[in-house]
Amino acid sequence: MGPAEEHFEKRVRPVLVRNCVPCHGAAAQSAGLRLDSRAGALKGGGRGTAIVPGNARDSWLIRAVKHDGLRMPVGGKLKEDEIAALEEWVRTGAVWPEGRGPADAPVVHWAFQPVRADGGQTIDAMLGAAMAKGGLRNTSSACQ
């Protein structure tokens, strides 16, 4: 993976998945715009193309996240480093690895992360320690 692809995967895709795809993805296409693929971003929506590779200033996506006329995302302005990542991505050609849209990104939702207690201990270890402290032990497996 080259530097442009790495920049997209680490800094751009997560921003698109978190902030754009819920309203501009497979499930919903507000203003006729899809931002879950490079083709969709290039095609654009009601205002025209969302990205102009090599030209961040003329890209509606960049103008919107900078709140220059259009104000996106709906939930509030992105962080400056997120805006800078999107600008750099567009300015350097809007590289988007083939065959992957933001929906293909690894799941980062809290519900799909390993459960941890304070100190980095897993919930199983925490419960095991509490059970041992109370003189309890696990029963045998029901599958045996």
Protein backbone atom coordinates (compact mmCIF):
# COMPACT_ATOMS: atom_id res chain seq x y z
CA MET A 1 0.00 0.00 0.00
CA GLY A 2 1.44 3.34 -1.04
CA PRO A 3 1.36 6.57 0.98
CA ALA A 4 -1.76 7.89 -0.79
CA GLU A 5 -3.71 4.68 -0.11
CA GLU A 6 -2.48 4.62 3.48
CA HIS A 7 -3.60 8.25 3.96
CA PHE A 8 -7.04 7.35 2.63
CA GLU A 9 -7.40 4.23 4.80
CA LYS A 10 -6.15 5.82 8.02
CA ARG A 11 -7.31 9.43 7.80
CA VAL A 12 -10.03 9.79 5.15
CA ARG A 13 -12.12 6.62 5.17
CA PRO A 14 -12.90 6.85 8.92
CA VAL A 15 -14.10 10.46 8.51
CA LEU A 16 -16.33 9.52 5.57
CA VAL A 17 -17.75 6.47 7.35
CA ARG A 18 -18.46 8.35 10.56
CA ASN A 19 -19.72 11.63 9.15
CA CYS A 20 -20.85 11.28 5.52
CA VAL A 21 -22.01 7.77 4.68
CA PRO A 22 -25.02 7.73 7.04
CA CYS A 23 -26.71 10.37 4.81
CA HIS A 24 -24.78 9.80 1.57
CA GLY A 25 -24.31 6.03 1.30
CA ALA A 26 -26.12 2.90 0.20
CA ALA A 27 -29.01 3.34 2.64
CA ALA A 28 -29.62 7.06 1.98
CA GLN A 29 -28.56 9.46 -0.74
CA SER A 30 -29.42 12.92 0.52
CA ALA A 31 -29.37 15.42 -2.38
CA GLY A 32 -28.69 12.47 -4.69
CA LEU A 33 -25.10 12.26 -3.43
CA ARG A 34 -23.21 9.10 -2.53
CA LEU A 35 -19.90 9.27 -0.71
CA ASP A 36 -19.41 5.54 -0.25
CA SER A 37 -17.33 5.21 -3.42
CA ARG A 38 -14.98 7.33 -5.52
CA ALA A 39 -17.37 7.01 -8.46
CA GLY A 40 -20.21 8.39 -6.36
CA ALA A 41 -18.12 11.31 -5.13
CA LEU A 42 -17.01 12.11 -8.68
CA LYS A 43 -20.57 11.84 -10.02
CA GLY A 44 -21.81 14.10 -7.26
CA GLY A 45 -25.36 15.07 -6.47
CA GLY A 46 -27.68 18.02 -6.88
CA ARG A 47 -24.85 20.57 -6.64
CA GLY A 48 -22.53 18.73 -9.01
CA THR A 49 -19.37 16.74 -8.38
CA ALA A 50 -18.43 16.41 -4.71
CA ILE A 51 -14.69 16.13 -5.35
CA VAL A 52 -12.43 17.54 -8.03
CA PRO A 53 -9.23 15.49 -7.75
CA GLY A 54 -6.26 17.83 -7.48
CA ASN A 55 -8.47 20.84 -6.68
CA ALA A 56 -9.74 21.05 -3.11
CA ARG A 57 -10.96 24.63 -3.55
CA ASP A 58 -13.51 23.65 -6.23
CA SER A 59 -14.68 20.50 -4.42
CA TRP A 60 -18.12 20.75 -2.84
CA LEU A 61 -17.12 18.22 -0.19
CA ILE A 62 -14.30 20.44 1.06
CA ARG A 63 -16.41 23.59 0.90
CA ALA A 64 -19.18 21.87 2.86
CA VAL A 65 -16.94 20.56 5.66
CA LYS A 66 -15.31 24.02 5.94
CA HIS A 67 -18.80 25.53 6.22
CA ASP A 68 -18.15 27.67 3.14
CA GLY A 69 -21.74 28.15 1.96
CA LEU A 70 -23.00 24.63 2.60
CA ARG A 71 -22.58 23.33 6.17
CA MET A 72 -21.89 19.62 6.55
CA PRO A 73 -22.04 17.31 8.31
CA VAL A 74 -25.40 18.03 9.89
CA GLY A 75 -24.13 17.16 13.40
CA GLY A 76 -21.57 19.98 13.43
CA LYS A 77 -18.27 21.00 11.94
CA LEU A 78 -15.49 18.45 11.63
CA LYS A 79 -12.27 18.81 13.60
CA GLU A 80 -9.54 20.82 11.87
CA ASP A 81 -7.31 17.76 11.44
CA GLU A 82 -10.18 15.87 9.77
CA ILE A 83 -10.79 18.77 7.37
CA ALA A 84 -7.05 18.94 6.64
CA ALA A 85 -6.98 15.19 5.91
CA LEU A 86 -9.87 15.51 3.45
CA GLU A 87 -8.25 18.54 1.79
CA GLU A 88 -4.93 16.76 1.41
CA TRP A 89 -6.70 13.71 -0.01
CA VAL A 90 -8.51 15.73 -2.69
CA ARG A 91 -5.49 17.94 -3.44
CA THR A 92 -3.30 14.87 -4.04
CA GLY A 93 -5.73 13.21 -6.45
CA ALA A 94 -8.42 11.65 -4.23
CA VAL A 95 -6.90 8.15 -4.36
CA TRP A 96 -9.46 5.53 -3.35
CA PRO A 97 -8.30 1.89 -3.31
CA GLU A 98 -10.24 -0.13 -5.89
CA GLY A 99 -13.08 -2.33 -4.80
CA ARG A 100 -13.56 -0.82 -1.37
CA GLY A 101 -16.09 1.75 -0.25
CA PRO A 102 -16.34 3.22 3.24
CA ALA A 103 -18.95 0.61 4.13
CA ASP A 104 -16.20 -2.00 3.82
CA ALA A 105 -14.14 -0.36 6.56
CA PRO A 106 -13.40 -2.39 9.66
CA VAL A 107 -16.14 -2.06 12.26
CA VAL A 108 -15.14 0.42 14.93
CA HIS A 109 -18.49 0.69 16.69
CA TRP A 110 -18.13 0.36 20.47
CA ALA A 111 -20.45 -2.65 20.59
CA PHE A 112 -18.03 -4.71 18.49
CA GLN A 113 -14.94 -4.00 20.58
CA PRO A 114 -13.62 -6.34 23.28
CA VAL A 115 -15.13 -5.48 26.65
CA ARG A 116 -12.49 -4.24 29.08
CA ALA A 117 -12.65 -3.14 32.67
CA ASP A 118 -10.34 -0.53 34.16
CA GLY A 119 -6.69 -1.51 33.86
CA GLY A 120 -7.15 -3.28 30.53
CA GLN A 121 -8.47 -6.47 32.15
CA THR A 122 -11.10 -8.36 30.12
CA ILE A 123 -14.58 -8.69 31.57
CA ASP A 124 -14.12 -12.48 31.84
CA ALA A 125 -11.00 -12.02 33.96
CA MET A 126 -12.73 -9.38 36.08
CA LEU A 127 -15.75 -11.64 36.70
CA GLY A 128 -13.49 -14.64 37.39
CA ALA A 129 -11.58 -12.66 40.03
CA ALA A 130 -14.82 -11.47 41.64
CA MET A 131 -16.19 -15.01 41.69
CA ALA A 132 -12.99 -16.40 43.23
CA LYS A 133 -13.04 -13.66 45.87
CA GLY A 134 -16.60 -14.70 46.78
CA GLY A 135 -15.69 -18.39 46.88
CA LEU A 136 -17.60 -19.18 43.70
CA ARG A 137 -16.41 -21.15 40.71
CA ASN A 138 -17.64 -21.79 37.16
CA THR A 139 -19.82 -24.80 36.52
CA SER A 140 -18.84 -27.39 33.95
CA SER A 141 -19.65 -26.74 30.32
CA ALA A 142 -23.15 -27.73 29.21
CA CYS A 143 -21.64 -29.13 26.00
CA GLN A 144 -19.72 -31.97 27.70
